[in-house]
Amino acid sequence: MAILKHISVKNRFYSSAVEYLTCQFDEYTNKPILDEKGRIQERENYLISGVNCDVDSFGAECIEVNRLYGKNNSVKDVKAHHYIISFEPNDSITMELDKWILLALWRTVICCSSPVVKCQGIY
């Protein structure tokens, strides 16, 4: 059975969202898992890509779009939406198929229902 997780990001530091998606966090405390030198550990397996944006410039693109449309200036405003889809290990779903399913969901449901002209996302 698939689990779809939606994260509304209010943090003004977009790099924090990317860090959450690419690095390991304790599932109970949500604190980063550090190595013996105190550096945050990267996840072993993940796919990350953007929809209408480049992963490496995601934060800058979000800021640009917000300025263009005069959005997300307040601390309480949602700055971004992230979607994570997970499957049970015995579901035999590859990361590539997982990515395809999430992109299909994005194009048919999430992006089309959004009033934002430039849809952006990282998963």
Protein backbone atom coordinates (compact mmCIF):
# COMPACT_ATOMS: atom_id res chain seq x y z
CA MET A 1 0.00 0.00 0.00
CA ALA A 2 1.33 3.42 -0.93
CA ILE A 3 1.65 6.29 1.50
CA LEU A 4 1.51 9.83 0.10
CA LYS A 5 2.98 12.48 2.34
CA HIS A 6 2.33 16.18 1.78
CA ILE A 7 4.54 18.72 3.47
CA SER A 8 3.55 22.40 3.56
CA VAL A 9 6.77 24.33 3.96
CA LYS A 10 6.63 27.64 5.82
CA ASN A 11 10.38 27.83 6.42
CA ARG A 12 11.91 30.70 4.45
CA PHE A 13 15.03 28.62 3.89
CA TYR A 14 14.17 26.46 0.89
CA SER A 15 17.40 24.51 1.35
CA SER A 16 15.90 23.04 4.54
CA ALA A 17 13.24 21.28 2.46
CA VAL A 18 15.83 19.82 0.11
CA GLU A 19 17.92 18.73 3.12
CA TYR A 20 14.90 16.93 4.58
CA LEU A 21 14.41 15.04 1.33
CA THR A 22 18.05 14.07 0.78
CA CYS A 23 19.37 13.49 4.31
CA GLN A 24 18.58 11.03 7.10
CA PHE A 25 16.38 12.10 10.02
CA ASP A 26 15.28 10.21 13.11
CA GLU A 27 11.66 9.24 12.49
CA TYR A 28 10.63 9.94 16.11
CA THR A 29 12.50 13.16 16.92
CA ASN A 30 12.82 14.48 13.34
CA LYS A 31 16.40 15.47 14.17
CA PRO A 32 19.16 14.84 11.61
CA ILE A 33 21.27 11.70 11.96
CA LEU A 34 24.92 12.69 12.21
CA ASP A 35 28.10 10.75 11.50
CA GLU A 36 31.06 10.51 13.90
CA LYS A 37 32.33 13.92 12.70
CA GLY A 38 28.98 15.63 13.31
CA ARG A 39 28.00 15.86 9.63
CA ILE A 40 24.45 15.09 8.56
CA GLN A 41 24.18 11.74 6.77
CA GLU A 42 22.76 11.58 3.27
CA ARG A 43 20.02 9.04 2.51
CA GLU A 44 21.28 5.87 0.87
CA ASN A 45 18.71 5.87 -1.94
CA TYR A 46 16.61 8.70 -3.24
CA LEU A 47 15.50 10.31 -6.46
CA ILE A 48 15.06 14.03 -6.55
CA SER A 49 13.91 16.10 -9.47
CA GLY A 50 11.89 19.19 -10.13
CA VAL A 51 8.71 19.97 -12.00
CA ASN A 52 9.26 23.15 -14.03
CA CYS A 53 12.35 23.93 -11.96
CA ASP A 54 15.92 22.78 -11.54
CA VAL A 55 16.77 21.04 -8.28
CA ASP A 56 20.05 22.94 -7.92
CA SER A 57 18.36 26.34 -8.23
CA PHE A 58 15.04 25.43 -6.58
CA GLY A 59 15.36 27.96 -3.77
CA ALA A 60 16.32 30.85 -6.04
CA GLU A 61 13.48 29.98 -8.44
CA CYS A 62 10.94 29.91 -5.60
CA ILE A 63 12.10 33.32 -4.39
CA GLU A 64 11.92 34.68 -7.96
CA VAL A 65 8.36 33.39 -8.49
CA ASN A 66 7.25 34.72 -5.09
CA ARG A 67 8.62 38.17 -5.91
CA LEU A 68 7.07 38.12 -9.39
CA TYR A 69 3.59 37.39 -8.01
CA GLY A 70 3.97 39.19 -4.67
CA LYS A 71 3.35 35.99 -2.70
CA ASN A 72 4.71 34.37 0.45
CA ASN A 73 6.07 37.48 2.12
CA SER A 74 4.70 36.67 5.58
CA VAL A 75 6.25 34.18 8.01
CA LYS A 76 2.92 32.30 8.21
CA ASP A 77 2.65 31.86 4.41
CA VAL A 78 3.25 28.44 2.91
CA LYS A 79 6.39 28.77 0.79
CA ALA A 80 6.32 25.40 -0.97
CA HIS A 81 4.56 22.07 -1.13
CA HIS A 82 6.47 18.80 -1.19
CA TYR A 83 5.02 15.39 -1.95
CA ILE A 84 6.65 12.11 -0.99
CA ILE A 85 5.26 8.76 -2.02
CA SER A 86 6.42 5.59 -0.27
CA PHE A 87 5.66 1.93 -0.77
CA GLU A 88 6.12 -1.20 1.31
CA PRO A 89 9.36 -3.05 0.41
CA ASN A 90 7.36 -6.11 -0.66
CA ASP A 91 5.36 -4.04 -3.20
CA SER A 92 8.26 -4.45 -5.68
CA ILE A 93 8.00 -0.83 -6.80
CA THR A 94 11.22 0.59 -8.21
CA MET A 95 12.29 4.14 -7.47
CA GLU A 96 11.77 4.97 -11.15
CA LEU A 97 8.17 3.69 -11.10
CA ASP A 98 7.61 5.53 -7.83
CA LYS A 99 8.81 8.72 -9.55
CA TRP A 100 6.54 8.11 -12.55
CA ILE A 101 3.49 7.59 -10.30
CA LEU A 102 4.16 10.78 -8.36
CA LEU A 103 4.69 12.79 -11.56
CA ALA A 104 1.42 11.44 -12.97
CA LEU A 105 -0.35 12.40 -9.74
CA TRP A 106 1.27 15.84 -9.88
CA ARG A 107 0.18 16.49 -13.46
CA THR A 108 -3.39 15.25 -13.09
CA VAL A 109 -4.37 16.38 -9.60
CA ILE A 110 -1.97 18.62 -7.74
CA CYS A 111 -0.59 20.98 -10.39
CA CYS A 112 -3.87 21.38 -12.25
CA SER A 113 -5.74 22.39 -9.09
CA SER A 114 -3.15 25.00 -8.15
CA PRO A 115 -3.70 28.67 -9.04
CA VAL A 116 0.06 29.17 -9.34
CA VAL A 117 1.20 29.66 -12.93
CA LYS A 118 4.61 28.09 -12.41
CA CYS A 119 4.26 24.84 -10.50
CA GLN A 120 7.38 23.78 -8.67
CA GLY A 121 8.19 20.70 -6.71
CA ILE A 122 10.92 18.43 -5.56
CA TYR A 123 10.45 14.85 -4.56
